[in-house]
Amino acid sequence: MSRNILILGASYGSLLGTKLLMAGHNVTLVCRQKTADLINRDGTEVRIKLRDETEHRSILSADLPGTVDACPPEAVDLSRYDMVALAMQEPQYANHTIHTLMIKIAAAGLPCLSIMNMPPLPYLKRIPALKDMSLEMAYTNAHVWDRFDPGVISLCSPDPQAFRPPEEAPNVLHVGLPTNFKAAIFADDAHNAILRELEADIAAVTLDGKDVPVKLRVYDSLFVPMAKWSMLLTGNYRCITPGDPQPIRDAVHGDLEQSRAIYAHVDAIALRLGADPADQVPFEKYARAAESLLKPSSAARAVAAGAPFIERVDLLVKLISHELDMAHKEIDQTVAVVDGKLAGSIVPG
């Protein structure tokens, strides 16, 4: 059975979209009108490297069994869709037209799978230890999430690393690290049935008889996607320095023992919230993966380009750590550097 999936965000969202198209499902990408016109004319292209191959394959939506279309947020007809994927950066949801669409999605009760690094506030409300914490200041506009029933929001750890090549059109995405999307379940069994159906369909896809990386993995634990927090606080946000941004590899391997300590502390926060040690990713595995991450994180690149807002998982983790009496000097310092860069009080020398 072909499902119709609405994906907010045509950049990173096109990776999940392509996997769904390969599995025979239909996808609508929500984006700016100019990008929508390009996608409706030329489709999408995702470049990914298969196991044991040295060159990236170009996977074109026009060659796939599912169909893709694109539209701006004001043109979305929600009656068409079985599920929504949230693939924009968290600050983008504060945009008026996106916020208006989010109100309609909440009213429709559609299950929403977030593939943001920043977990939606309603998702955090599903975790008893976080339910009554005041975490709104970590969000660009926390009111975006006011109307959502927490049970219809799930979180999918966006572990695959991908970017739009700056020299290419905006319908092209290059996958640098083809790891898996790790999704927690919804509260409703009917929504979980759709999620597991998508998981199985994506797992069955092959290309020229070969397995295609970047699976959708579904877990019963709400804490599995939070394993990404240790990675973000150890690598991604530490790419933001008082001077120029540094690659993730350098942020992690510049002082490996300090990185190990930060990673372990964020893991400990997740465990305090209720995570099982089996939910976490060992530091050694992350450190090996970081060796190939030769660019600054998207957050660091955005700050360097003058963005006034970015996703603030660093601030979220700081707020939680202080609520739990688990403050950490290096985490607090990272947040201070990011705050200063965003406010313009720290400038490169």
C-alpha atoms as a PDB file:
ATOM      1  CA  MET A   1       0.000   0.000   0.000  1.00  0.00           C
ATOM      2  CA  SER A   2       1.400   3.379  -0.998  1.00  0.00           C
ATOM      3  CA  ARG A   3       1.376   6.003   1.748  1.00  0.00           C
ATOM      4  CA  ASN A   4       1.321   9.755   1.208  1.00  0.00           C
ATOM      5  CA  ILE A   5       3.872  11.555   3.384  1.00  0.00           C
ATOM      6  CA  LEU A   6       4.157  15.316   3.822  1.00  0.00           C
ATOM      7  CA  ILE A   7       7.728  16.454   4.552  1.00  0.00           C
ATOM      8  CA  LEU A   8       8.346  19.974   5.818  1.00  0.00           C
ATOM      9  CA  GLY A   9      11.762  20.869   4.411  1.00  0.00           C
ATOM     10  CA  ALA A  10      13.098  20.025   0.959  1.00  0.00           C
ATOM     11  CA  SER A  11      16.804  19.945   1.810  1.00  0.00           C
ATOM     12  CA  TYR A  12      17.518  17.321   4.480  1.00  0.00           C
ATOM     13  CA  GLY A  13      13.939  16.134   4.041  1.00  0.00           C
ATOM     14  CA  SER A  14      14.735  14.967   0.524  1.00  0.00           C
ATOM     15  CA  LEU A  15      16.929  12.192   1.977  1.00  0.00           C
ATOM     16  CA  LEU A  16      14.054  10.599   3.885  1.00  0.00           C
ATOM     17  CA  GLY A  17      11.827  11.470   0.936  1.00  0.00           C
ATOM     18  CA  THR A  18      14.049   9.600  -1.511  1.00  0.00           C
ATOM     19  CA  LYS A  19      14.088   6.525   0.719  1.00  0.00           C
ATOM     20  CA  LEU A  20      10.291   6.617   0.814  1.00  0.00           C
ATOM     21  CA  LEU A  21      10.078   7.093  -2.962  1.00  0.00           C
ATOM     22  CA  MET A  22      12.366   4.097  -3.481  1.00  0.00           C
ATOM     23  CA  ALA A  23       9.958   2.070  -1.343  1.00  0.00           C
ATOM     24  CA  GLY A  24       6.997   3.088  -3.516  1.00  0.00           C
ATOM     25  CA  HIS A  25       5.462   5.767  -1.297  1.00  0.00           C
ATOM     26  CA  ASN A  26       4.503   9.284  -2.386  1.00  0.00           C
ATOM     27  CA  VAL A  27       6.063  12.422  -0.959  1.00  0.00           C
ATOM     28  CA  THR A  28       5.250  16.117  -0.913  1.00  0.00           C
ATOM     29  CA  LEU A  29       8.099  18.451   0.035  1.00  0.00           C
ATOM     30  CA  VAL A  30       7.130  21.774   1.624  1.00  0.00           C
ATOM     31  CA  CYS A  31       9.512  24.568   0.664  1.00  0.00           C
ATOM     32  CA  ARG A  32       9.764  27.991  -0.953  1.00  0.00           C
ATOM     33  CA  GLN A  33       7.827  28.484  -4.187  1.00  0.00           C
ATOM     34  CA  LYS A  34      10.999  28.823  -6.280  1.00  0.00           C
ATOM     35  CA  THR A  35      12.380  25.518  -4.963  1.00  0.00           C
ATOM     36  CA  ALA A  36       8.976  23.872  -5.366  1.00  0.00           C
ATOM     37  CA  ASP A  37       8.867  24.927  -9.023  1.00  0.00           C
ATOM     38  CA  LEU A  38      12.335  23.423  -9.553  1.00  0.00           C
ATOM     39  CA  ILE A  39      11.391  20.123  -7.895  1.00  0.00           C
ATOM     40  CA  ASN A  40       8.082  19.893  -9.756  1.00  0.00           C
ATOM     41  CA  ARG A  41       9.966  20.403 -13.012  1.00  0.00           C
ATOM     42  CA  ASP A  42      13.177  18.403 -12.463  1.00  0.00           C
ATOM     43  CA  GLY A  43      12.524  16.221  -9.410  1.00  0.00           C
ATOM     44  CA  THR A  44      15.152  15.620  -6.729  1.00  0.00           C
ATOM     45  CA  GLU A  45      18.636  14.123  -6.761  1.00  0.00           C
ATOM     46  CA  VAL A  46      20.243  12.462  -3.753  1.00  0.00           C
ATOM     47  CA  ARG A  47      23.859  11.331  -3.988  1.00  0.00           C
ATOM     48  CA  ILE A  48      24.737   8.410  -1.767  1.00  0.00           C
ATOM     49  CA  LYS A  49      27.558   5.886  -1.590  1.00  0.00           C
ATOM     50  CA  LEU A  50      26.634   2.203  -1.421  1.00  0.00           C
ATOM     51  CA  ARG A  51      28.643  -0.173   0.728  1.00  0.00           C
ATOM     52  CA  ASP A  52      31.987  -1.177  -0.841  1.00  0.00           C
ATOM     53  CA  GLU A  53      31.627   1.407  -3.630  1.00  0.00           C
ATOM     54  CA  THR A  54      34.043   4.317  -3.972  1.00  0.00           C
ATOM     55  CA  GLU A  55      31.803   6.715  -5.881  1.00  0.00           C
ATOM     56  CA  HIS A  56      28.460   8.227  -4.943  1.00  0.00           C
ATOM     57  CA  ARG A  57      25.375   7.110  -6.880  1.00  0.00           C
ATOM     58  CA  SER A  58      22.925   9.770  -8.061  1.00  0.00           C
ATOM     59  CA  ILE A  59      19.398   8.669  -7.201  1.00  0.00           C
ATOM     60  CA  LEU A  60      16.880  10.637  -9.231  1.00  0.00           C
ATOM     61  CA  SER A  61      13.268  10.856  -8.099  1.00  0.00           C
ATOM     62  CA  ALA A  62      12.097  10.548 -11.713  1.00  0.00           C
ATOM     63  CA  ASP A  63      13.480   6.984 -11.782  1.00  0.00           C
ATOM     64  CA  LEU A  64      11.710   5.817  -8.610  1.00  0.00           C
ATOM     65  CA  PRO A  65       8.354   4.053  -8.132  1.00  0.00           C
ATOM     66  CA  GLY A  66       6.950   6.690  -5.782  1.00  0.00           C
ATOM     67  CA  THR A  67       5.979  10.179  -6.908  1.00  0.00           C
ATOM     68  CA  VAL A  68       7.273  13.467  -5.538  1.00  0.00           C
ATOM     69  CA  ASP A  69       5.784  16.926  -5.698  1.00  0.00           C
ATOM     70  CA  ALA A  70       6.505  20.159  -3.849  1.00  0.00           C
ATOM     71  CA  CYS A  71       4.583  23.213  -2.728  1.00  0.00           C
ATOM     72  CA  PRO A  72       4.817  26.229  -0.429  1.00  0.00           C
ATOM     73  CA  PRO A  73       3.222  25.883   3.035  1.00  0.00           C
ATOM     74  CA  GLU A  74       0.119  27.884   2.183  1.00  0.00           C
ATOM     75  CA  ALA A  75      -0.770  25.445  -0.637  1.00  0.00           C
ATOM     76  CA  VAL A  76      -0.754  22.224   1.439  1.00  0.00           C
ATOM     77  CA  ASP A  77      -3.945  20.127   1.420  1.00  0.00           C
ATOM     78  CA  LEU A  78      -3.650  18.054   4.602  1.00  0.00           C
ATOM     79  CA  SER A  79      -6.473  15.704   3.626  1.00  0.00           C
ATOM     80  CA  ARG A  80      -4.033  13.928   1.273  1.00  0.00           C
ATOM     81  CA  TYR A  81      -1.563  12.655   3.895  1.00  0.00           C
ATOM     82  CA  ASP A  82      -1.056   9.738   6.275  1.00  0.00           C
ATOM     83  CA  MET A  83       1.908  11.190   8.150  1.00  0.00           C
ATOM     84  CA  VAL A  84       4.007  14.351   8.432  1.00  0.00           C
ATOM     85  CA  ALA A  85       7.810  14.494   8.724  1.00  0.00           C
ATOM     86  CA  LEU A  86       9.317  17.622  10.270  1.00  0.00           C
ATOM     87  CA  ALA A  87      12.656  18.182   8.536  1.00  0.00           C
ATOM     88  CA  MET A  88      13.179  21.932   8.787  1.00  0.00           C
ATOM     89  CA  GLN A  89      15.536  23.569  11.264  1.00  0.00           C
ATOM     90  CA  GLU A  90      13.677  24.466  14.458  1.00  0.00           C
ATOM     91  CA  PRO A  91      13.844  28.278  13.957  1.00  0.00           C
ATOM     92  CA  GLN A  92      12.045  27.936  10.623  1.00  0.00           C
ATOM     93  CA  TYR A  93       8.822  26.876  12.329  1.00  0.00           C
ATOM     94  CA  ALA A  94       8.524  30.404  13.761  1.00  0.00           C
ATOM     95  CA  ASN A  95       7.909  31.710  10.230  1.00  0.00           C
ATOM     96  CA  HIS A  96       4.298  32.861   9.997  1.00  0.00           C
ATOM     97  CA  THR A  97       3.252  30.646   7.083  1.00  0.00           C
ATOM     98  CA  ILE A  98       4.936  27.581   8.616  1.00  0.00           C
ATOM     99  CA  HIS A  99       3.411  28.325  12.020  1.00  0.00           C
ATOM    100  CA  THR A 100      -0.011  28.579  10.388  1.00  0.00           C
ATOM    101  CA  LEU A 101       0.495  25.201   8.692  1.00  0.00           C
ATOM    102  CA  MET A 102       1.591  23.694  12.017  1.00  0.00           C
ATOM    103  CA  ILE A 103      -1.665  24.867  13.633  1.00  0.00           C
ATOM    104  CA  LYS A 104      -3.584  23.058  10.875  1.00  0.00           C
ATOM    105  CA  ILE A 105      -1.462  19.900  11.271  1.00  0.00           C
ATOM    106  CA  ALA A 106      -2.118  19.881  15.017  1.00  0.00           C
ATOM    107  CA  ALA A 107      -5.863  20.300  14.444  1.00  0.00           C
ATOM    108  CA  ALA A 108      -5.850  17.404  11.950  1.00  0.00           C
ATOM    109  CA  GLY A 109      -4.217  15.089  14.497  1.00  0.00           C
ATOM    110  CA  LEU A 110      -1.763  13.730  11.935  1.00  0.00           C
ATOM    111  CA  PRO A 111       1.195  11.785  13.352  1.00  0.00           C
ATOM    112  CA  CYS A 112       4.365  13.877  13.064  1.00  0.00           C
ATOM    113  CA  LEU A 113       7.820  12.311  12.891  1.00  0.00           C
ATOM    114  CA  SER A 114      10.460  14.920  13.657  1.00  0.00           C
ATOM    115  CA  ILE A 115      13.888  14.506  12.078  1.00  0.00           C
ATOM    116  CA  MET A 116      15.173  17.706  13.636  1.00  0.00           C
ATOM    117  CA  ASN A 117      18.107  17.682  16.009  1.00  0.00           C
ATOM    118  CA  MET A 118      15.941  19.821  18.303  1.00  0.00           C
ATOM    119  CA  PRO A 119      13.173  17.670  19.779  1.00  0.00           C
ATOM    120  CA  PRO A 120       9.716  19.255  19.567  1.00  0.00           C
ATOM    121  CA  LEU A 121       8.455  20.403  22.960  1.00  0.00           C
ATOM    122  CA  PRO A 122       5.442  18.025  22.945  1.00  0.00           C
ATOM    123  CA  TYR A 123       7.809  15.104  22.516  1.00  0.00           C
ATOM    124  CA  LEU A 124       9.697  16.095  25.650  1.00  0.00           C
ATOM    125  CA  LYS A 125       6.362  16.206  27.502  1.00  0.00           C
ATOM    126  CA  ARG A 126       6.062  12.449  26.855  1.00  0.00           C
ATOM    127  CA  ILE A 127       9.013  11.893  29.207  1.00  0.00           C
ATOM    128  CA  PRO A 128       7.902  12.062  32.866  1.00  0.00           C
ATOM    129  CA  ALA A 129      11.163  13.595  34.145  1.00  0.00           C
ATOM    130  CA  LEU A 130      10.885  16.450  31.603  1.00  0.00           C
ATOM    131  CA  LYS A 131       7.135  17.012  31.636  1.00  0.00           C
ATOM    132  CA  ASP A 132       7.155  19.860  34.167  1.00  0.00           C
ATOM    133  CA  MET A 133      10.518  21.453  33.336  1.00  0.00           C
ATOM    134  CA  SER A 134      10.550  24.989  31.930  1.00  0.00           C
ATOM    135  CA  LEU A 135      12.443  24.484  28.688  1.00  0.00           C
ATOM    136  CA  GLU A 136      10.679  26.995  26.447  1.00  0.00           C
ATOM    137  CA  MET A 137      13.593  29.443  26.322  1.00  0.00           C
ATOM    138  CA  ALA A 138      15.595  26.934  24.260  1.00  0.00           C
ATOM    139  CA  TYR A 139      13.099  27.372  21.390  1.00  0.00           C
ATOM    140  CA  THR A 140      12.821  30.195  18.885  1.00  0.00           C
ATOM    141  CA  ASN A 141       9.039  30.290  19.399  1.00  0.00           C
ATOM    142  CA  ALA A 142       7.760  27.671  21.807  1.00  0.00           C
ATOM    143  CA  HIS A 143       4.139  28.591  21.007  1.00  0.00           C
ATOM    144  CA  VAL A 144       4.477  26.747  17.681  1.00  0.00           C
ATOM    145  CA  TRP A 145       3.987  23.533  19.672  1.00  0.00           C
ATOM    146  CA  ASP A 146       1.139  24.623  21.959  1.00  0.00           C
ATOM    147  CA  ARG A 147      -1.682  22.878  20.090  1.00  0.00           C
ATOM    148  CA  PHE A 148      -0.049  19.468  19.620  1.00  0.00           C
ATOM    149  CA  ASP A 149      -1.071  16.399  21.568  1.00  0.00           C
ATOM    150  CA  PRO A 150       2.272  14.959  22.760  1.00  0.00           C
ATOM    151  CA  GLY A 151       1.228  11.467  21.697  1.00  0.00           C
ATOM    152  CA  VAL A 152       1.162  12.348  17.985  1.00  0.00           C
ATOM    153  CA  ILE A 153       4.749  13.642  18.021  1.00  0.00           C
ATOM    154  CA  SER A 154       7.717  11.309  17.722  1.00  0.00           C
ATOM    155  CA  LEU A 155      11.414  11.966  17.333  1.00  0.00           C
ATOM    156  CA  CYS A 156      13.772  10.435  14.814  1.00  0.00           C
ATOM    157  CA  SER A 157      17.489  10.921  15.378  1.00  0.00           C
ATOM    158  CA  PRO A 158      18.893  12.553  12.213  1.00  0.00           C
ATOM    159  CA  ASP A 159      22.167  10.626  12.300  1.00  0.00           C
ATOM    160  CA  PRO A 160      22.828  10.601   8.526  1.00  0.00           C
ATOM    161  CA  GLN A 161      25.063  13.526   7.561  1.00  0.00           C
ATOM    162  CA  ALA A 162      24.071  15.299   4.346  1.00  0.00           C
ATOM    163  CA  PHE A 163      24.385  18.728   2.779  1.00  0.00           C
ATOM    164  CA  ARG A 164      23.432  20.704  -0.287  1.00  0.00           C
ATOM    165  CA  PRO A 165      26.541  21.233  -2.438  1.00  0.00           C
ATOM    166  CA  PRO A 166      26.842  25.032  -2.722  1.00  0.00           C
ATOM    167  CA  GLU A 167      27.617  24.848  -6.429  1.00  0.00           C
ATOM    168  CA  GLU A 168      24.504  22.766  -7.203  1.00  0.00           C
ATOM    169  CA  ALA A 169      20.807  23.552  -7.562  1.00  0.00           C
ATOM    170  CA  PRO A 170      18.705  23.318  -4.373  1.00  0.00           C
ATOM    171  CA  ASN A 171      17.133  20.021  -5.453  1.00  0.00           C
ATOM    172  CA  VAL A 172      20.477  18.188  -4.988  1.00  0.00           C
ATOM    173  CA  LEU A 173      21.581  16.597  -1.687  1.00  0.00           C
ATOM    174  CA  HIS A 174      24.942  14.915  -1.021  1.00  0.00           C
ATOM    175  CA  VAL A 175      25.077  12.280   1.722  1.00  0.00           C
ATOM    176  CA  GLY A 176      28.415  12.280   3.511  1.00  0.00           C
ATOM    177  CA  LEU A 177      27.710   9.758   6.292  1.00  0.00           C
ATOM    178  CA  PRO A 178      24.945   7.263   5.362  1.00  0.00           C
ATOM    179  CA  THR A 179      23.886   6.103   8.834  1.00  0.00           C
ATOM    180  CA  ASN A 180      20.326   5.277   9.910  1.00  0.00           C
ATOM    181  CA  PHE A 181      17.352   7.308  11.060  1.00  0.00           C
ATOM    182  CA  LYS A 182      16.431   6.010  14.535  1.00  0.00           C
ATOM    183  CA  ALA A 183      12.801   6.709  15.413  1.00  0.00           C
ATOM    184  CA  ALA A 184      10.899   6.354  18.672  1.00  0.00           C
ATOM    185  CA  ILE A 185       7.331   5.104  18.594  1.00  0.00           C
ATOM    186  CA  PHE A 186       4.146   7.176  18.821  1.00  0.00           C
ATOM    187  CA  ALA A 187       1.600   6.796  21.593  1.00  0.00           C
ATOM    188  CA  ASP A 188      -1.046   5.362  19.230  1.00  0.00           C
ATOM    189  CA  ASP A 189      -0.807   1.815  17.845  1.00  0.00           C
ATOM    190  CA  ALA A 190      -2.371   2.861  14.534  1.00  0.00           C
ATOM    191  CA  HIS A 191       0.324   5.485  14.008  1.00  0.00           C
ATOM    192  CA  ASN A 192       3.006   2.978  14.947  1.00  0.00           C
ATOM    193  CA  ALA A 193       1.642   0.537  12.385  1.00  0.00           C
ATOM    194  CA  ILE A 194       2.274   3.120   9.660  1.00  0.00           C
ATOM    195  CA  LEU A 195       5.759   3.824  11.014  1.00  0.00           C
ATOM    196  CA  ARG A 196       6.713   0.144  11.075  1.00  0.00           C
ATOM    197  CA  GLU A 197       5.261  -0.340   7.602  1.00  0.00           C
ATOM    198  CA  LEU A 198       7.544   2.425   6.305  1.00  0.00           C
ATOM    199  CA  GLU A 199      10.461   0.858   8.179  1.00  0.00           C
ATOM    200  CA  ALA A 200       9.913  -2.534   6.513  1.00  0.00           C
ATOM    201  CA  ASP A 201       9.372  -1.076   3.052  1.00  0.00           C
ATOM    202  CA  ILE A 202      12.551   1.007   3.194  1.00  0.00           C
ATOM    203  CA  ALA A 203      14.541  -1.987   4.492  1.00  0.00           C
ATOM    204  CA  ALA A 204      13.470  -4.049   1.463  1.00  0.00           C
ATOM    205  CA  VAL A 205      14.795  -1.559  -1.107  1.00  0.00           C
ATOM    206  CA  THR A 206      17.766  -2.533  -3.278  1.00  0.00           C
ATOM    207  CA  LEU A 207      19.611  -0.783  -6.093  1.00  0.00           C
ATOM    208  CA  ASP A 208      21.084  -3.013  -8.789  1.00  0.00           C
ATOM    209  CA  GLY A 209      20.640  -5.871  -6.335  1.00  0.00           C
ATOM    210  CA  LYS A 210      22.614  -4.065  -3.632  1.00  0.00           C
ATOM    211  CA  ASP A 211      21.477  -2.884  -0.231  1.00  0.00           C
ATOM    212  CA  VAL A 212      20.889   0.883   0.020  1.00  0.00           C
ATOM    213  CA  PRO A 213      22.113   2.542   3.232  1.00  0.00           C
ATOM    214  CA  VAL A 214      20.135   4.949   5.422  1.00  0.00           C
ATOM    215  CA  LYS A 215      17.360   2.847   6.929  1.00  0.00           C
ATOM    216  CA  LEU A 216      14.468   3.882   9.115  1.00  0.00           C
ATOM    217  CA  ARG A 217      14.779   1.990  12.407  1.00  0.00           C
ATOM    218  CA  VAL A 218      11.901   2.067  14.896  1.00  0.00           C
ATOM    219  CA  TYR A 219      12.470   1.635  18.645  1.00  0.00           C
ATOM    220  CA  ASP A 220      10.103   1.278  21.584  1.00  0.00           C
ATOM    221  CA  SER A 221      12.295   3.517  23.744  1.00  0.00           C
ATOM    222  CA  LEU A 222      11.661   7.264  23.738  1.00  0.00           C
ATOM    223  CA  PHE A 223      15.325   7.792  24.587  1.00  0.00           C
ATOM    224  CA  VAL A 224      17.041   6.213  21.562  1.00  0.00           C
ATOM    225  CA  PRO A 225      16.933   9.444  19.498  1.00  0.00           C
ATOM    226  CA  MET A 226      18.458  11.327  22.445  1.00  0.00           C
ATOM    227  CA  ALA A 227      21.730   9.465  21.925  1.00  0.00           C
ATOM    228  CA  LYS A 228      22.359  12.213  19.358  1.00  0.00           C
ATOM    229  CA  TRP A 229      22.604  14.785  22.169  1.00  0.00           C
ATOM    230  CA  SER A 230      26.011  13.493  23.266  1.00  0.00           C
ATOM    231  CA  MET A 231      27.268  13.790  19.697  1.00  0.00           C
ATOM    232  CA  LEU A 232      25.898  17.293  19.237  1.00  0.00           C
ATOM    233  CA  LEU A 233      27.348  18.632  22.485  1.00  0.00           C
ATOM    234  CA  THR A 234      30.707  16.941  21.911  1.00  0.00           C
ATOM    235  CA  GLY A 235      31.104  17.785  18.242  1.00  0.00           C
ATOM    236  CA  ASN A 236      28.568  19.952  16.435  1.00  0.00           C
ATOM    237  CA  TYR A 237      28.237  22.843  18.866  1.00  0.00           C
ATOM    238  CA  ARG A 238      31.935  22.869  19.696  1.00  0.00           C
ATOM    239  CA  CYS A 239      32.550  23.629  16.024  1.00  0.00           C
ATOM    240  CA  ILE A 240      31.394  27.128  17.030  1.00  0.00           C
ATOM    241  CA  THR A 241      34.415  28.900  18.462  1.00  0.00           C
ATOM    242  CA  PRO A 242      35.142  32.520  19.411  1.00  0.00           C
ATOM    243  CA  GLY A 243      36.904  32.719  16.044  1.00  0.00           C
ATOM    244  CA  ASP A 244      36.279  30.822  12.828  1.00  0.00           C
ATOM    245  CA  PRO A 245      34.270  27.583  12.821  1.00  0.00           C
ATOM    246  CA  GLN A 246      36.217  24.325  13.040  1.00  0.00           C
ATOM    247  CA  PRO A 247      35.429  20.920  11.500  1.00  0.00           C
ATOM    248  CA  ILE A 248      33.602  18.347  13.612  1.00  0.00           C
ATOM    249  CA  ARG A 249      36.705  16.149  13.449  1.00  0.00           C
ATOM    250  CA  ASP A 250      38.819  18.849  15.061  1.00  0.00           C
ATOM    251  CA  ALA A 251      36.203  19.660  17.688  1.00  0.00           C
ATOM    252  CA  VAL A 252      36.174  16.011  18.767  1.00  0.00           C
ATOM    253  CA  HIS A 253      39.800  14.985  18.280  1.00  0.00           C
ATOM    254  CA  GLY A 254      41.505  18.253  19.277  1.00  0.00           C
ATOM    255  CA  ASP A 255      41.262  17.125  22.908  1.00  0.00           C
ATOM    256  CA  LEU A 256      39.940  13.583  22.890  1.00  0.00           C
ATOM    257  CA  GLU A 257      39.808  13.162  26.667  1.00  0.00           C
ATOM    258  CA  GLN A 258      37.818  16.350  27.130  1.00  0.00           C
ATOM    259  CA  SER A 259      35.481  15.183  24.365  1.00  0.00           C
ATOM    260  CA  ARG A 260      35.094  11.831  26.095  1.00  0.00           C
ATOM    261  CA  ALA A 261      34.193  13.572  29.354  1.00  0.00           C
ATOM    262  CA  ILE A 262      31.550  15.798  27.736  1.00  0.00           C
ATOM    263  CA  TYR A 263      30.078  12.841  25.873  1.00  0.00           C
ATOM    264  CA  ALA A 264      29.897  10.741  29.048  1.00  0.00           C
ATOM    265  CA  HIS A 265      28.238  13.565  30.989  1.00  0.00           C
ATOM    266  CA  VAL A 266      25.491  14.057  28.401  1.00  0.00           C
ATOM    267  CA  ASP A 267      24.988  10.284  28.372  1.00  0.00           C
ATOM    268  CA  ALA A 268      24.634  10.451  32.159  1.00  0.00           C
ATOM    269  CA  ILE A 269      21.952  13.135  31.823  1.00  0.00           C
ATOM    270  CA  ALA A 270      19.960  10.885  29.475  1.00  0.00           C
ATOM    271  CA  LEU A 271      20.318   7.980  31.908  1.00  0.00           C
ATOM    272  CA  ARG A 272      19.087  10.194  34.752  1.00  0.00           C
ATOM    273  CA  LEU A 273      16.009  11.002  32.659  1.00  0.00           C
ATOM    274  CA  GLY A 274      15.252   7.309  32.223  1.00  0.00           C
ATOM    275  CA  ALA A 275      17.311   6.078  29.268  1.00  0.00           C
ATOM    276  CA  ASP A 276      18.726   2.578  29.238  1.00  0.00           C
ATOM    277  CA  PRO A 277      22.490   2.266  28.644  1.00  0.00           C
ATOM    278  CA  ALA A 278      21.595   0.186  25.575  1.00  0.00           C
ATOM    279  CA  ASP A 279      19.974   3.311  24.092  1.00  0.00           C
ATOM    280  CA  GLN A 280      23.316   5.096  23.930  1.00  0.00           C
ATOM    281  CA  VAL A 281      26.053   5.022  21.266  1.00  0.00           C
ATOM    282  CA  PRO A 282      29.553   4.264  22.620  1.00  0.00           C
ATOM    283  CA  PHE A 283      31.951   7.198  22.481  1.00  0.00           C
ATOM    284  CA  GLU A 284      34.523   5.182  20.554  1.00  0.00           C
ATOM    285  CA  LYS A 285      32.056   4.538  17.739  1.00  0.00           C
ATOM    286  CA  TYR A 286      31.188   8.220  17.531  1.00  0.00           C
ATOM    287  CA  ALA A 287      34.835   9.280  17.638  1.00  0.00           C
ATOM    288  CA  ARG A 288      35.632   6.957  14.716  1.00  0.00           C
ATOM    289  CA  ALA A 289      32.768   8.393  12.689  1.00  0.00           C
ATOM    290  CA  ALA A 290      33.892  11.945  13.529  1.00  0.00           C
ATOM    291  CA  GLU A 291      37.266  11.300  11.873  1.00  0.00           C
ATOM    292  CA  SER A 292      35.527  11.542   8.486  1.00  0.00           C
ATOM    293  CA  LEU A 293      33.514  14.692   9.302  1.00  0.00           C
ATOM    294  CA  LEU A 294      35.830  17.250   7.751  1.00  0.00           C
ATOM    295  CA  LYS A 295      33.414  20.189   7.603  1.00  0.00           C
ATOM    296  CA  PRO A 296      32.049  22.385  10.390  1.00  0.00           C
ATOM    297  CA  SER A 297      28.565  21.446  11.534  1.00  0.00           C
ATOM    298  CA  SER A 298      25.543  23.049   9.877  1.00  0.00           C
ATOM    299  CA  ALA A 299      24.980  25.041  13.078  1.00  0.00           C
ATOM    300  CA  ALA A 300      28.517  26.419  12.943  1.00  0.00           C
ATOM    301  CA  ARG A 301      28.205  27.282   9.265  1.00  0.00           C
ATOM    302  CA  ALA A 302      24.918  29.065   9.925  1.00  0.00           C
ATOM    303  CA  VAL A 303      26.399  31.129  12.748  1.00  0.00           C
ATOM    304  CA  ALA A 304      29.412  32.028  10.595  1.00  0.00           C
ATOM    305  CA  ALA A 305      27.027  33.169   7.858  1.00  0.00           C
ATOM    306  CA  GLY A 306      25.291  35.518  10.280  1.00  0.00           C
ATOM    307  CA  ALA A 307      22.144  33.555  11.115  1.00  0.00           C
ATOM    308  CA  PRO A 308      20.301  35.179  14.037  1.00  0.00           C
ATOM    309  CA  PHE A 309      18.829  31.861  15.209  1.00  0.00           C
ATOM    310  CA  ILE A 310      19.910  28.207  15.134  1.00  0.00           C
ATOM    311  CA  GLU A 311      18.663  25.026  16.786  1.00  0.00           C
ATOM    312  CA  ARG A 312      19.729  25.203  20.432  1.00  0.00           C
ATOM    313  CA  VAL A 313      20.120  21.626  21.623  1.00  0.00           C
ATOM    314  CA  ASP A 314      23.151  22.924  23.532  1.00  0.00           C
ATOM    315  CA  LEU A 315      20.929  25.305  25.514  1.00  0.00           C
ATOM    316  CA  LEU A 316      18.262  22.637  25.982  1.00  0.00           C
ATOM    317  CA  VAL A 317      20.799  20.225  27.485  1.00  0.00           C
ATOM    318  CA  LYS A 318      22.181  22.994  29.699  1.00  0.00           C
ATOM    319  CA  LEU A 319      18.709  23.827  31.027  1.00  0.00           C
ATOM    320  CA  ILE A 320      17.988  20.155  31.738  1.00  0.00           C
ATOM    321  CA  SER A 321      21.380  19.644  33.386  1.00  0.00           C
ATOM    322  CA  HIS A 322      20.808  22.569  35.749  1.00  0.00           C
ATOM    323  CA  GLU A 323      17.301  21.335  36.603  1.00  0.00           C
ATOM    324  CA  LEU A 324      18.848  17.966  37.522  1.00  0.00           C
ATOM    325  CA  ASP A 325      21.747  19.544  39.474  1.00  0.00           C
ATOM    326  CA  MET A 326      24.088  18.080  36.857  1.00  0.00           C
ATOM    327  CA  ALA A 327      25.653  21.290  35.518  1.00  0.00           C
ATOM    328  CA  HIS A 328      28.875  20.838  33.543  1.00  0.00           C
ATOM    329  CA  LYS A 329      31.473  23.556  33.045  1.00  0.00           C
ATOM    330  CA  GLU A 330      32.288  22.709  29.416  1.00  0.00           C
ATOM    331  CA  ILE A 331      28.628  22.518  28.408  1.00  0.00           C
ATOM    332  CA  ASP A 332      27.976  25.893  30.043  1.00  0.00           C
ATOM    333  CA  GLN A 333      30.987  27.339  28.227  1.00  0.00           C
ATOM    334  CA  THR A 334      29.795  26.006  24.873  1.00  0.00           C
ATOM    335  CA  VAL A 335      26.406  27.648  25.430  1.00  0.00           C
ATOM    336  CA  ALA A 336      28.105  30.924  26.378  1.00  0.00           C
ATOM    337  CA  VAL A 337      30.157  30.911  23.160  1.00  0.00           C
ATOM    338  CA  VAL A 338      27.082  30.170  21.018  1.00  0.00           C
ATOM    339  CA  ASP A 339      25.067  32.856  22.821  1.00  0.00           C
ATOM    340  CA  GLY A 340      27.853  35.352  22.271  1.00  0.00           C
ATOM    341  CA  LYS A 341      28.266  34.576  18.580  1.00  0.00           C
ATOM    342  CA  LEU A 342      24.521  34.812  17.947  1.00  0.00           C
ATOM    343  CA  ALA A 343      24.349  38.104  19.830  1.00  0.00           C
ATOM    344  CA  GLY A 344      27.347  39.453  17.928  1.00  0.00           C
ATOM    345  CA  SER A 345      29.338  40.006  21.110  1.00  0.00           C
ATOM    346  CA  ILE A 346      32.053  37.586  20.003  1.00  0.00           C
ATOM    347  CA  VAL A 347      33.663  38.328  16.666  1.00  0.00           C
ATOM    348  CA  PRO A 348      36.607  36.676  14.936  1.00  0.00           C
ATOM    349  CA  GLY A 349      39.935  38.342  15.647  1.00  0.00           C
END
